[in-house]
Amino acid sequence: MSRREVRVNVLVWRPRDPSAPADLSYGWPRVLQVRSTGTPWQLPGVVLRAGEGIMSAAGRAAYALGLELPTVHRALTLDQRPAAGNAPEQLVIIVDGGWTDGDDVHVTDHSTSPCPHDCQHERRWASAGDLADEIGTTTALSAALGKTPAFVVGRGGEMA
C-alpha cells in the first residue's frame, strides 16, 4: 500500500485593482507561491497532523507567511494527486487565504523574495500563465473570486 497524506494549502491572491478585488477587467489576480531550493513552485501549505482540524492546519501555513486567515473559512477545492516518485499519494485541500494588496507579503512583481521568517523557502507572485498546469489552483482562484462554486471536486470531468 502506498503512503498517503492530506495537505492543506492556502490560496493567497493579489488583485490587479485592490479597490475592486473581484474585477477581472485588468486580468486575473496573481497568486502567492512558495518553494524550497530546487523544488517546484506551489501554494503555501502544510501536511495535516493526526487529529488536527483543516482550518488549524491552514492557520499554521498562514502564520508561517506572517498572515492571518479571513474570518470566513472556506475550502475552495480538493485535488487528489497520485503517488509520484518519492512523493506519497495526496489529498490536497485548498483553503481561502484571502486577498492582499501585496505590501504585507514582501514580494515584488516578477521576482522572488526570501521568506522573512527563519526558514529556507522563496516566495513569488505567480501570474495566470504560471498557473496554466495547476488545475486545482486555478479552480480555487475562480471559486475565491466567486466565478465558480466553492468546493469543486474532480478533474477533467472525472468525479473523485
Protein backbone atom coordinates (compact mmCIF):
# COMPACT_ATOMS: atom_id res chain seq x y z
CA MET A 1 0.00 0.00 0.00
CA SER A 2 1.35 3.41 -0.91
CA ARG A 3 1.82 6.22 1.58
CA ARG A 4 -0.93 8.82 1.78
CA GLU A 5 -1.12 12.27 3.26
CA VAL A 6 -3.57 15.14 3.46
CA ARG A 7 -2.09 18.51 2.58
CA VAL A 8 -3.78 21.82 3.38
CA ASN A 9 -2.75 24.64 1.03
CA VAL A 10 -3.65 28.29 1.45
CA LEU A 11 -4.62 30.39 -1.57
CA VAL A 12 -3.48 34.00 -1.08
CA TRP A 13 -4.06 36.28 -4.04
CA ARG A 14 -3.34 39.84 -5.06
CA PRO A 15 -5.92 41.58 -7.26
CA ARG A 16 -4.86 43.80 -10.14
CA ASP A 17 -7.06 46.55 -8.66
CA PRO A 18 -7.31 46.45 -4.84
CA SER A 19 -10.27 48.87 -4.94
CA ALA A 20 -12.25 46.20 -6.85
CA PRO A 21 -10.69 42.84 -5.90
CA ALA A 22 -13.04 40.61 -7.93
CA ASP A 23 -12.86 42.77 -11.08
CA LEU A 24 -11.11 40.79 -13.81
CA SER A 25 -11.17 43.52 -16.46
CA TYR A 26 -7.45 44.18 -15.84
CA GLY A 27 -6.61 40.47 -15.82
CA TRP A 28 -6.55 37.63 -13.34
CA PRO A 29 -5.01 38.24 -9.92
CA ARG A 30 -1.57 36.98 -9.02
CA VAL A 31 -1.26 34.04 -6.64
CA LEU A 32 1.32 33.63 -3.90
CA GLN A 33 3.58 30.61 -4.39
CA VAL A 34 6.48 29.27 -2.36
CA ARG A 35 9.27 26.78 -2.91
CA SER A 36 12.27 25.34 -1.18
CA THR A 37 15.52 25.41 -3.10
CA GLY A 38 15.29 23.11 -6.11
CA THR A 39 11.60 22.22 -5.71
CA PRO A 40 8.65 23.27 -7.89
CA TRP A 41 6.62 26.39 -7.08
CA GLN A 42 3.42 25.64 -5.18
CA LEU A 43 0.81 27.18 -2.92
CA PRO A 44 1.97 27.55 0.67
CA GLY A 45 0.71 24.71 2.79
CA VAL A 46 1.33 22.09 5.43
CA VAL A 47 0.67 18.40 5.94
CA LEU A 48 -2.33 17.80 8.17
CA ARG A 49 -1.28 16.33 11.52
CA ALA A 50 -3.16 13.43 13.12
CA GLY A 51 -6.22 14.81 14.91
CA GLU A 52 -5.69 18.36 13.59
CA GLY A 53 -8.54 20.35 12.05
CA ILE A 54 -8.27 21.63 8.49
CA MET A 55 -8.52 25.30 9.49
CA SER A 56 -5.95 24.82 12.24
CA ALA A 57 -3.51 23.50 9.62
CA ALA A 58 -4.40 26.40 7.30
CA GLY A 59 -3.73 28.77 10.20
CA ARG A 60 -0.24 27.24 10.63
CA ALA A 61 0.50 27.84 6.95
CA ALA A 62 -0.79 31.43 7.12
CA TYR A 63 1.22 32.10 10.28
CA ALA A 64 4.39 30.94 8.52
CA LEU A 65 3.67 33.61 5.89
CA GLY A 66 3.08 36.28 8.53
CA LEU A 67 -0.61 36.49 7.56
CA GLU A 68 -3.97 35.78 9.17
CA LEU A 69 -6.78 33.79 7.60
CA PRO A 70 -10.01 35.59 6.69
CA THR A 71 -12.79 35.38 9.28
CA VAL A 72 -14.97 33.38 6.87
CA HIS A 73 -13.38 29.96 6.40
CA ARG A 74 -13.85 28.33 3.02
CA ALA A 75 -12.48 25.19 1.45
CA LEU A 76 -12.23 26.18 -2.20
CA THR A 77 -11.34 22.91 -3.87
CA LEU A 78 -10.00 19.40 -3.39
CA ASP A 79 -7.29 17.90 -5.55
CA GLN A 80 -6.33 14.24 -5.39
CA ARG A 81 -2.79 13.58 -6.59
CA PRO A 82 -1.37 10.11 -7.23
CA ALA A 83 1.92 8.98 -5.73
CA ALA A 84 4.85 10.03 -7.89
CA GLY A 85 8.50 9.20 -7.32
CA ASN A 86 9.18 9.60 -3.61
CA ALA A 87 6.07 11.72 -3.07
CA PRO A 88 3.10 9.97 -1.45
CA GLU A 89 -0.45 9.99 -2.75
CA GLN A 90 -2.03 13.26 -1.59
CA LEU A 91 -5.42 14.71 -0.97
CA VAL A 92 -4.89 18.47 -1.22
CA ILE A 93 -7.46 20.78 0.33
CA ILE A 94 -7.10 24.38 -0.87
CA VAL A 95 -8.39 26.87 1.68
CA ASP A 96 -9.19 30.54 1.08
CA GLY A 97 -6.34 32.65 2.45
CA GLY A 98 -7.96 35.87 1.23
CA TRP A 99 -6.54 38.66 -0.86
CA THR A 100 -3.90 41.21 -0.08
CA ASP A 101 -2.56 44.34 -1.71
CA GLY A 102 0.82 42.63 -1.51
CA ASP A 103 2.55 45.01 0.91
CA ASP A 104 2.36 42.53 3.79
CA VAL A 105 3.83 39.65 1.78
CA HIS A 106 7.18 41.26 0.89
CA VAL A 107 7.38 40.15 -2.75
CA THR A 108 7.59 42.41 -5.77
CA ASP A 109 6.31 41.60 -9.26
CA HIS A 110 8.36 39.19 -11.37
CA SER A 111 10.85 38.48 -8.62
CA THR A 112 11.39 36.11 -5.78
CA SER A 113 12.00 37.09 -2.21
CA PRO A 114 13.32 35.05 0.67
CA CYS A 115 10.94 34.26 3.49
CA PRO A 116 11.15 36.89 6.28
CA HIS A 117 10.98 34.11 8.87
CA ASP A 118 13.90 31.86 9.71
CA CYS A 119 13.21 29.27 7.01
CA GLN A 120 14.57 28.14 3.68
CA HIS A 121 11.98 28.98 1.05
CA GLU A 122 11.32 31.65 -1.55
CA ARG A 123 8.07 33.38 -2.49
CA ARG A 124 6.74 34.86 -5.69
CA TRP A 125 3.54 36.28 -7.14
CA ALA A 126 2.57 33.91 -9.95
CA SER A 127 0.60 35.13 -12.96
CA ALA A 128 -2.27 33.25 -14.60
CA GLY A 129 0.20 31.97 -17.19
CA ASP A 130 2.37 30.47 -14.46
CA LEU A 131 -0.68 28.57 -13.18
CA ALA A 132 -1.74 27.05 -16.50
CA ASP A 133 -0.96 23.48 -15.39
CA GLU A 134 -2.27 23.94 -11.85
CA ILE A 135 -5.89 22.87 -12.27
CA GLY A 136 -6.60 22.80 -8.53
CA THR A 137 -5.12 26.26 -8.03
CA THR A 138 -6.97 27.87 -10.93
CA THR A 139 -10.25 26.26 -9.82
CA ALA A 140 -9.66 27.52 -6.26
CA LEU A 141 -8.89 31.04 -7.52
CA SER A 142 -12.04 31.06 -9.60
CA ALA A 143 -14.05 29.97 -6.53
CA ALA A 144 -12.37 32.63 -4.35
CA LEU A 145 -13.40 35.28 -6.88
CA GLY A 146 -16.96 33.96 -6.90
CA LYS A 147 -16.77 32.86 -10.54
CA THR A 148 -17.46 29.17 -9.82
CA PRO A 149 -18.95 27.45 -6.78
CA ALA A 150 -16.54 26.71 -3.98
CA PHE A 151 -15.65 23.11 -3.22
CA VAL A 152 -15.35 21.67 -6.72
CA VAL A 153 -14.19 18.05 -6.72
CA GLY A 154 -12.84 16.26 -9.76
CA ARG A 155 -10.52 16.72 -12.69
CA GLY A 156 -11.20 16.57 -16.39
CA GLY A 157 -14.88 15.67 -15.98
CA GLU A 158 -14.00 12.81 -13.64
CA MET A 159 -15.62 12.87 -10.24
CA ALA A 160 -13.43 11.84 -7.33
